[in-house]
Amino acid sequence: MYELEKNIWSEADFSIMGWHDASIWSMVPNSEKFEYLLDLDYIFKWVHPKENETYFKFWVAPVTMVFENAFDVKINIESRQGLIEVADLHKENPRLTPNGKFTTHTYRFECQEGEASIEATGFKMYVRQKPKLITGQSFNLEERGGVNFGRALNTL
């Protein structure tokens, strides 16, 4: 059993989070709020195979990742199968905003299919469903409730 620690994660949790093999379903800007949103399947825990089992299982949940005060989005991805598989997320290049009040970072998604980066002051990751134990690393479109940028936990 996997117990979800909290429904909202942030850049303060970056050092304990991991994005390896997370699947990005969609990306969209929210220009009015200076946000950049990602809809992804986040792997909360990898479960090693038990005796007489061959494959890992995964505790996975659909999440909305919202980059705050986002700008300078760069995407260089070429996917033949549709989904984008994250190898790692890097938090790099800290610097002060021109007014000196905030620090921005480059959040760089290293993916199997290329790379995407976003300049932002931080992020929030909203868990939309409780993690489920599955044999794959992502859900199919129907299982996850389609593409969604919601920010509330669906308790169904």
N, C-alpha and C. Protein backbone atom coordinates (compact mmCIF):
# COMPACT_ATOMS: atom_id res chain seq x y z
N MET A 1 0.84 -1.19 0.00
CA MET A 1 0.00 0.00 0.00
C MET A 1 0.89 1.25 0.00
N TYR A 2 0.44 2.27 -0.70
CA TYR A 2 1.17 3.53 -0.74
C TYR A 2 0.28 4.61 -0.15
N GLU A 3 0.80 5.33 0.82
CA GLU A 3 0.07 6.43 1.45
C GLU A 3 0.59 7.76 0.93
N LEU A 4 -0.27 8.52 0.27
CA LEU A 4 0.11 9.81 -0.28
C LEU A 4 0.37 10.79 0.86
N GLU A 5 1.56 11.38 0.88
CA GLU A 5 1.96 12.32 1.93
C GLU A 5 1.14 13.59 1.92
N LYS A 6 0.92 14.13 0.71
CA LYS A 6 0.18 15.39 0.57
C LYS A 6 -0.33 15.49 -0.85
N ASN A 7 -1.30 16.38 -1.06
CA ASN A 7 -1.92 16.54 -2.37
C ASN A 7 -1.23 17.58 -3.23
N ILE A 8 -0.47 18.49 -2.60
CA ILE A 8 0.22 19.54 -3.35
C ILE A 8 1.70 19.52 -2.99
N TRP A 9 2.53 19.39 -4.01
CA TRP A 9 3.98 19.38 -3.87
C TRP A 9 4.52 20.67 -4.48
N SER A 10 5.74 21.07 -4.12
CA SER A 10 6.29 22.31 -4.67
C SER A 10 7.80 22.18 -4.85
N GLU A 11 8.40 23.29 -5.32
CA GLU A 11 9.86 23.30 -5.51
C GLU A 11 10.59 23.06 -4.19
N ALA A 12 9.94 23.31 -3.05
CA ALA A 12 10.56 23.03 -1.75
C ALA A 12 10.79 21.52 -1.56
N ASP A 13 10.03 20.71 -2.29
CA ASP A 13 10.15 19.25 -2.21
C ASP A 13 11.06 18.68 -3.30
N PHE A 14 11.63 19.54 -4.11
CA PHE A 14 12.37 19.10 -5.30
C PHE A 14 13.39 17.99 -4.99
N SER A 15 14.13 18.13 -3.90
CA SER A 15 15.21 17.18 -3.60
C SER A 15 14.71 15.78 -3.27
N ILE A 16 13.45 15.63 -2.90
CA ILE A 16 12.92 14.29 -2.58
C ILE A 16 12.01 13.76 -3.68
N MET A 17 11.84 14.53 -4.73
CA MET A 17 10.98 14.10 -5.83
C MET A 17 11.84 13.52 -6.95
N GLY A 18 11.18 12.76 -7.83
CA GLY A 18 11.87 12.20 -8.98
C GLY A 18 10.91 12.09 -10.15
N TRP A 19 11.36 12.45 -11.31
CA TRP A 19 10.48 12.45 -12.49
C TRP A 19 10.85 11.36 -13.49
N HIS A 20 11.79 10.47 -13.15
CA HIS A 20 12.22 9.45 -14.10
C HIS A 20 11.03 8.60 -14.56
N ASP A 21 10.85 8.53 -15.85
CA ASP A 21 9.80 7.76 -16.53
C ASP A 21 8.40 8.32 -16.35
N ALA A 22 8.27 9.54 -15.79
CA ALA A 22 6.95 10.19 -15.78
C ALA A 22 6.57 10.47 -17.23
N SER A 23 5.27 10.43 -17.52
CA SER A 23 4.78 10.65 -18.89
C SER A 23 4.07 11.99 -18.98
N ILE A 24 4.53 12.84 -19.90
CA ILE A 24 3.89 14.13 -20.13
C ILE A 24 2.82 13.93 -21.20
N TRP A 25 1.58 14.27 -20.86
CA TRP A 25 0.46 14.13 -21.79
C TRP A 25 0.21 15.41 -22.57
N SER A 26 0.39 16.56 -21.91
CA SER A 26 0.10 17.81 -22.59
C SER A 26 0.76 18.97 -21.84
N MET A 27 0.98 20.08 -22.57
CA MET A 27 1.54 21.31 -22.00
C MET A 27 0.72 22.47 -22.53
N VAL A 28 0.50 23.48 -21.67
CA VAL A 28 -0.27 24.64 -22.11
C VAL A 28 0.13 25.87 -21.30
N PRO A 29 0.23 27.04 -21.95
CA PRO A 29 0.47 28.27 -21.19
C PRO A 29 -0.84 28.83 -20.66
N ASN A 30 -0.76 29.47 -19.52
CA ASN A 30 -1.86 30.29 -18.99
C ASN A 30 -1.28 31.69 -18.88
N SER A 31 -1.26 32.39 -20.01
CA SER A 31 -0.57 33.68 -20.12
C SER A 31 -1.10 34.72 -19.15
N GLU A 32 -2.40 34.71 -18.89
CA GLU A 32 -2.99 35.71 -18.00
C GLU A 32 -2.41 35.63 -16.58
N LYS A 33 -2.05 34.40 -16.15
CA LYS A 33 -1.52 34.21 -14.80
C LYS A 33 -0.01 33.95 -14.80
N PHE A 34 0.62 34.08 -15.96
CA PHE A 34 2.07 33.83 -16.10
C PHE A 34 2.43 32.42 -15.60
N GLU A 35 1.61 31.45 -15.99
CA GLU A 35 1.82 30.06 -15.60
C GLU A 35 2.05 29.21 -16.86
N TYR A 36 2.73 28.10 -16.65
CA TYR A 36 2.87 27.10 -17.69
C TYR A 36 2.51 25.77 -17.05
N LEU A 37 1.53 25.07 -17.63
CA LEU A 37 0.98 23.87 -17.01
C LEU A 37 1.34 22.61 -17.79
N LEU A 38 1.62 21.55 -17.04
CA LEU A 38 1.86 20.24 -17.63
C LEU A 38 0.89 19.25 -17.02
N ASP A 39 0.35 18.39 -17.86
CA ASP A 39 -0.49 17.28 -17.42
C ASP A 39 0.38 16.04 -17.56
N LEU A 40 0.66 15.38 -16.44
CA LEU A 40 1.53 14.21 -16.52
C LEU A 40 1.11 13.11 -15.56
N ASP A 41 1.58 11.91 -15.83
CA ASP A 41 1.44 10.78 -14.92
C ASP A 41 2.74 10.69 -14.14
N TYR A 42 2.64 10.93 -12.83
CA TYR A 42 3.81 10.98 -11.96
C TYR A 42 3.93 9.65 -11.21
N ILE A 43 5.13 9.08 -11.21
CA ILE A 43 5.39 7.83 -10.50
C ILE A 43 5.85 8.16 -9.09
N PHE A 44 5.01 7.83 -8.11
CA PHE A 44 5.34 8.11 -6.71
C PHE A 44 6.26 7.05 -6.12
N LYS A 45 6.11 5.81 -6.59
CA LYS A 45 6.96 4.74 -6.02
C LYS A 45 7.08 3.60 -7.02
N TRP A 46 8.30 3.10 -7.14
CA TRP A 46 8.58 1.89 -7.92
C TRP A 46 8.53 0.72 -6.96
N VAL A 47 7.87 -0.37 -7.35
CA VAL A 47 7.75 -1.56 -6.50
C VAL A 47 8.54 -2.68 -7.16
N HIS A 48 9.57 -3.15 -6.47
CA HIS A 48 10.40 -4.23 -7.00
C HIS A 48 9.58 -5.51 -7.15
N PRO A 49 9.92 -6.31 -8.15
CA PRO A 49 9.20 -7.58 -8.34
C PRO A 49 9.37 -8.49 -7.12
N LYS A 50 8.30 -9.17 -6.77
CA LYS A 50 8.37 -10.15 -5.69
C LYS A 50 8.93 -11.45 -6.25
N GLU A 51 9.15 -12.39 -5.38
CA GLU A 51 9.65 -13.69 -5.82
C GLU A 51 8.68 -14.27 -6.84
N ASN A 52 9.20 -14.84 -7.89
CA ASN A 52 8.43 -15.41 -9.00
C ASN A 52 7.75 -14.36 -9.88
N GLU A 53 8.06 -13.08 -9.68
CA GLU A 53 7.58 -12.02 -10.56
C GLU A 53 8.76 -11.48 -11.36
N THR A 54 8.49 -10.98 -12.54
CA THR A 54 9.55 -10.49 -13.42
C THR A 54 9.62 -8.97 -13.47
N TYR A 55 8.47 -8.32 -13.40
CA TYR A 55 8.42 -6.89 -13.71
C TYR A 55 8.10 -6.03 -12.49
N PHE A 56 8.57 -4.80 -12.56
CA PHE A 56 8.23 -3.79 -11.56
C PHE A 56 6.75 -3.44 -11.67
N LYS A 57 6.20 -2.91 -10.58
CA LYS A 57 4.89 -2.26 -10.58
C LYS A 57 5.13 -0.85 -10.09
N PHE A 58 4.13 0.02 -10.30
CA PHE A 58 4.34 1.43 -10.02
C PHE A 58 3.10 2.05 -9.37
N TRP A 59 3.34 2.90 -8.37
CA TRP A 59 2.28 3.72 -7.80
C TRP A 59 2.26 5.03 -8.59
N VAL A 60 1.21 5.23 -9.37
CA VAL A 60 1.15 6.34 -10.32
C VAL A 60 -0.14 7.14 -10.12
N ALA A 61 -0.05 8.45 -10.33
CA ALA A 61 -1.23 9.31 -10.28
C ALA A 61 -1.13 10.40 -11.35
N PRO A 62 -2.26 10.79 -11.93
CA PRO A 62 -2.26 11.95 -12.81
C PRO A 62 -2.10 13.22 -11.97
N VAL A 63 -1.24 14.11 -12.43
CA VAL A 63 -0.98 15.36 -11.70
C VAL A 63 -0.96 16.52 -12.68
N THR A 64 -1.17 17.72 -12.14
CA THR A 64 -1.00 18.96 -12.89
C THR A 64 0.17 19.69 -12.28
N MET A 65 1.18 19.94 -13.08
CA MET A 65 2.35 20.67 -12.62
C MET A 65 2.25 22.09 -13.16
N VAL A 66 2.23 23.07 -12.25
CA VAL A 66 2.03 24.47 -12.61
C VAL A 66 3.31 25.24 -12.30
N PHE A 67 3.98 25.72 -13.33
CA PHE A 67 5.16 26.56 -13.15
C PHE A 67 4.69 28.00 -12.99
N GLU A 68 5.19 28.66 -11.95
CA GLU A 68 4.73 30.00 -11.57
C GLU A 68 5.68 31.07 -12.11
N ASN A 69 5.10 32.20 -12.51
CA ASN A 69 5.88 33.29 -13.10
C ASN A 69 6.77 32.75 -14.21
N ALA A 70 6.15 31.96 -15.07
CA ALA A 70 6.88 31.23 -16.12
C ALA A 70 7.10 32.10 -17.36
N PHE A 71 8.27 31.92 -17.96
CA PHE A 71 8.60 32.62 -19.19
C PHE A 71 9.70 31.83 -19.90
N ASP A 72 10.01 32.24 -21.09
CA ASP A 72 11.11 31.66 -21.88
C ASP A 72 11.01 30.13 -21.96
N VAL A 73 9.89 29.66 -22.47
CA VAL A 73 9.66 28.22 -22.65
C VAL A 73 10.34 27.79 -23.95
N LYS A 74 11.14 26.74 -23.85
CA LYS A 74 11.83 26.20 -25.04
C LYS A 74 11.51 24.71 -25.11
N ILE A 75 11.07 24.27 -26.28
CA ILE A 75 10.72 22.87 -26.46
C ILE A 75 11.41 22.35 -27.71
N ASN A 76 12.17 21.28 -27.55
CA ASN A 76 12.82 20.62 -28.67
C ASN A 76 12.59 19.12 -28.50
N ILE A 77 11.39 18.70 -28.89
CA ILE A 77 10.97 17.31 -28.68
C ILE A 77 10.41 16.75 -29.98
N GLU A 78 10.77 15.53 -30.26
CA GLU A 78 10.25 14.83 -31.42
C GLU A 78 9.79 13.45 -30.97
N SER A 79 8.47 13.25 -30.95
CA SER A 79 7.91 11.99 -30.45
C SER A 79 7.11 11.31 -31.55
N ARG A 80 7.44 10.08 -31.83
CA ARG A 80 6.71 9.31 -32.82
C ARG A 80 5.51 8.59 -32.21
N GLN A 81 5.52 8.41 -30.88
CA GLN A 81 4.46 7.64 -30.23
C GLN A 81 3.50 8.51 -29.44
N GLY A 82 3.72 9.80 -29.38
CA GLY A 82 2.78 10.70 -28.72
C GLY A 82 3.19 11.12 -27.34
N LEU A 83 3.29 10.20 -26.40
CA LEU A 83 3.67 10.55 -25.03
C LEU A 83 5.14 10.95 -24.97
N ILE A 84 5.43 11.82 -24.03
CA ILE A 84 6.80 12.25 -23.80
C ILE A 84 7.25 11.64 -22.47
N GLU A 85 8.33 10.90 -22.50
CA GLU A 85 8.82 10.21 -21.31
C GLU A 85 10.01 10.96 -20.72
N VAL A 86 9.86 11.37 -19.47
CA VAL A 86 10.89 12.15 -18.78
C VAL A 86 12.00 11.23 -18.29
N ALA A 87 13.24 11.61 -18.55
CA ALA A 87 14.38 10.90 -17.97
C ALA A 87 14.74 11.55 -16.63
N ASP A 88 14.71 12.90 -16.60
CA ASP A 88 15.03 13.62 -15.36
C ASP A 88 14.57 15.08 -15.49
N LEU A 89 14.36 15.71 -14.36
CA LEU A 89 14.07 17.14 -14.32
C LEU A 89 15.19 17.81 -13.56
N HIS A 90 15.79 18.81 -14.18
CA HIS A 90 16.91 19.54 -13.57
C HIS A 90 16.45 20.95 -13.18
N LYS A 91 16.90 21.40 -12.03
CA LYS A 91 16.63 22.77 -11.56
C LYS A 91 17.97 23.48 -11.59
N GLU A 92 18.12 24.43 -12.53
CA GLU A 92 19.43 25.01 -12.83
C GLU A 92 19.38 26.53 -12.89
N ASN A 93 20.55 27.12 -12.94
CA ASN A 93 20.75 28.52 -13.28
C ASN A 93 19.94 29.50 -12.40
N PRO A 94 20.09 29.44 -11.07
CA PRO A 94 19.36 30.39 -10.23
C PRO A 94 19.85 31.81 -10.46
N ARG A 95 18.90 32.75 -10.52
CA ARG A 95 19.27 34.16 -10.66
C ARG A 95 18.11 35.02 -10.17
N LEU A 96 18.44 36.23 -9.77
CA LEU A 96 17.44 37.17 -9.28
C LEU A 96 16.67 37.79 -10.44
N THR A 97 15.40 38.09 -10.19
CA THR A 97 14.61 38.82 -11.16
C THR A 97 15.14 40.25 -11.23
N PRO A 98 14.84 41.00 -12.29
CA PRO A 98 15.35 42.37 -12.40
C PRO A 98 15.07 43.26 -11.18
N ASN A 99 13.94 43.02 -10.48
CA ASN A 99 13.65 43.84 -9.30
C ASN A 99 14.37 43.33 -8.05
N GLY A 100 15.05 42.20 -8.16
CA GLY A 100 15.83 41.65 -7.05
C GLY A 100 15.01 41.01 -5.96
N LYS A 101 13.70 40.82 -6.17
CA LYS A 101 12.82 40.30 -5.13
C LYS A 101 12.61 38.78 -5.18
N PHE A 102 12.86 38.18 -6.33
CA PHE A 102 12.58 36.76 -6.50
C PHE A 102 13.75 36.07 -7.19
N THR A 103 13.84 34.77 -7.01
CA THR A 103 14.83 33.97 -7.71
C THR A 103 14.11 33.10 -8.73
N THR A 104 14.62 33.09 -9.95
CA THR A 104 14.09 32.18 -10.97
C THR A 104 15.11 31.06 -11.19
N HIS A 105 14.61 29.96 -11.71
CA HIS A 105 15.45 28.83 -12.10
C HIS A 105 15.03 28.39 -13.50
N THR A 106 15.94 27.70 -14.15
CA THR A 106 15.59 26.98 -15.37
C THR A 106 15.21 25.58 -14.95
N TYR A 107 13.98 25.18 -15.24
CA TYR A 107 13.53 23.81 -15.00
C TYR A 107 13.64 23.11 -16.35
N ARG A 108 14.61 22.18 -16.44
CA ARG A 108 14.89 21.53 -17.72
C ARG A 108 14.49 20.07 -17.68
N PHE A 109 13.50 19.73 -18.50
CA PHE A 109 13.05 18.34 -18.62
C PHE A 109 13.92 17.65 -19.66
N GLU A 110 14.73 16.72 -19.19
CA GLU A 110 15.51 15.86 -20.07
C GLU A 110 14.60 14.68 -20.38
N CYS A 111 14.25 14.51 -21.64
CA CYS A 111 13.29 13.48 -22.03
C CYS A 111 13.92 12.49 -23.01
N GLN A 112 13.30 11.34 -23.15
CA GLN A 112 13.77 10.35 -24.11
C GLN A 112 13.66 10.92 -25.53
N GLU A 113 12.70 11.84 -25.74
CA GLU A 113 12.41 12.35 -27.06
C GLU A 113 13.00 13.74 -27.33
N GLY A 114 13.75 14.28 -26.39
CA GLY A 114 14.32 15.61 -26.57
C GLY A 114 14.37 16.35 -25.24
N GLU A 115 14.12 17.66 -25.30
CA GLU A 115 14.27 18.48 -24.10
C GLU A 115 13.27 19.62 -24.11
N ALA A 116 12.81 20.00 -22.92
CA ALA A 116 11.96 21.18 -22.76
C ALA A 116 12.47 21.92 -21.52
N SER A 117 12.47 23.25 -21.59
CA SER A 117 12.89 24.03 -20.42
C SER A 117 11.94 25.20 -20.21
N ILE A 118 11.82 25.59 -18.96
CA ILE A 118 10.92 26.67 -18.55
C ILE A 118 11.64 27.49 -17.49
N GLU A 119 11.64 28.80 -17.65
CA GLU A 119 12.15 29.69 -16.61
C GLU A 119 10.97 30.00 -15.69
N ALA A 120 11.15 29.86 -14.38
CA ALA A 120 10.05 30.10 -13.46
C ALA A 120 10.58 30.37 -12.06
N THR A 121 9.74 31.00 -11.23
CA THR A 121 10.11 31.24 -9.84
C THR A 121 9.84 30.01 -8.98
N GLY A 122 9.08 29.06 -9.48
CA GLY A 122 8.80 27.84 -8.74
C GLY A 122 7.68 27.07 -9.40
N PHE A 123 7.22 26.03 -8.71
CA PHE A 123 6.12 25.22 -9.24
C PHE A 123 5.30 24.65 -8.09
N LYS A 124 4.10 24.25 -8.45
CA LYS A 124 3.25 23.45 -7.58
C LYS A 124 2.83 22.24 -8.40
N MET A 125 2.80 21.08 -7.78
CA MET A 125 2.34 19.87 -8.45
C MET A 125 1.10 19.39 -7.70
N TYR A 126 -0.04 19.43 -8.38
CA TYR A 126 -1.33 19.08 -7.80
C TYR A 126 -1.68 17.65 -8.16
N VAL A 127 -1.85 16.80 -7.16
CA VAL A 127 -2.23 15.41 -7.38
C VAL A 127 -3.73 15.37 -7.59
N ARG A 128 -4.17 14.84 -8.74
CA ARG A 128 -5.59 14.84 -9.08
C ARG A 128 -6.31 13.56 -8.72
N GLN A 129 -5.58 12.46 -8.56
CA GLN A 129 -6.18 11.19 -8.13
C GLN A 129 -5.20 10.54 -7.15
N LYS A 130 -5.73 9.75 -6.25
CA LYS A 130 -4.84 9.00 -5.37
C LYS A 130 -4.03 8.04 -6.22
N PRO A 131 -2.75 7.84 -5.90
CA PRO A 131 -1.93 6.92 -6.68
C PRO A 131 -2.52 5.50 -6.69
N LYS A 132 -2.40 4.86 -7.86
CA LYS A 132 -2.88 3.49 -8.03
C LYS A 132 -1.69 2.62 -8.41
N LEU A 133 -1.71 1.38 -7.93
CA LEU A 133 -0.67 0.41 -8.28
C LEU A 133 -1.00 -0.17 -9.64
N ILE A 134 -0.10 0.05 -10.61
CA ILE A 134 -0.33 -0.46 -11.97
C ILE A 134 0.94 -1.14 -12.48
N THR A 135 0.78 -1.93 -13.52
CA THR A 135 1.92 -2.67 -14.07
C THR A 135 2.73 -1.82 -15.06
N GLY A 136 2.14 -0.76 -15.59
CA GLY A 136 2.85 0.14 -16.49
C GLY A 136 3.26 1.40 -15.76
N GLN A 137 3.92 2.29 -16.48
CA GLN A 137 4.39 3.53 -15.86
C GLN A 137 3.46 4.70 -16.12
N SER A 138 2.40 4.46 -16.87
CA SER A 138 1.40 5.50 -17.09
C SER A 138 0.05 4.84 -17.38
N PHE A 139 -0.99 5.65 -17.23
CA PHE A 139 -2.34 5.20 -17.52
C PHE A 139 -2.64 5.36 -19.00
N ASN A 140 -3.75 4.74 -19.44
CA ASN A 140 -4.22 5.09 -20.77
C ASN A 140 -5.12 6.32 -20.61
N LEU A 141 -5.50 6.91 -21.71
CA LEU A 141 -6.22 8.18 -21.69
C LEU A 141 -7.53 8.08 -20.88
N GLU A 142 -8.25 7.00 -21.04
CA GLU A 142 -9.53 6.84 -20.33
C GLU A 142 -9.31 6.65 -18.83
N GLU A 143 -8.33 5.82 -18.45
CA GLU A 143 -8.06 5.56 -17.03
C GLU A 143 -7.72 6.83 -16.26
N ARG A 144 -7.08 7.75 -16.91
CA ARG A 144 -6.63 8.97 -16.22
C ARG A 144 -7.64 10.10 -16.32
N GLY A 145 -8.77 9.85 -17.02
CA GLY A 145 -9.79 10.88 -17.15
C GLY A 145 -9.50 11.88 -18.23
N GLY A 146 -8.78 11.47 -19.27
CA GLY A 146 -8.45 12.36 -20.38
C GLY A 146 -7.34 13.33 -20.02
N VAL A 147 -7.11 14.29 -20.89
CA VAL A 147 -6.14 15.34 -20.62
C VAL A 147 -6.82 16.36 -19.72
N ASN A 148 -6.12 16.79 -18.68
CA ASN A 148 -6.76 17.61 -17.66
C ASN A 148 -5.71 18.50 -17.01
N PHE A 149 -6.11 19.72 -16.70
CA PHE A 149 -5.20 20.64 -16.00
C PHE A 149 -5.81 21.09 -14.67
N GLY A 150 -6.68 20.23 -14.11
CA GLY A 150 -7.31 20.53 -12.82
C GLY A 150 -6.30 20.56 -11.69
N ARG A 151 -6.72 21.15 -10.58
CA ARG A 151 -5.82 21.29 -9.43
C ARG A 151 -6.38 20.68 -8.16
N ALA A 152 -7.49 19.98 -8.27
CA ALA A 152 -8.11 19.40 -7.08
C ALA A 152 -8.01 17.88 -7.11
N LEU A 153 -7.88 17.29 -5.93
CA LEU A 153 -7.85 15.83 -5.79
C LEU A 153 -9.26 15.31 -6.00
N ASN A 154 -9.41 14.41 -6.95
CA ASN A 154 -10.69 13.74 -7.20
C ASN A 154 -10.72 12.52 -6.30
N THR A 155 -11.64 12.48 -5.36
CA THR A 155 -11.68 11.39 -4.37
C THR A 155 -12.49 10.20 -4.83
N LEU A 156 -12.94 10.19 -6.08
CA LEU A 156 -13.71 9.05 -6.56
C LEU A 156 -12.88 7.80 -6.66
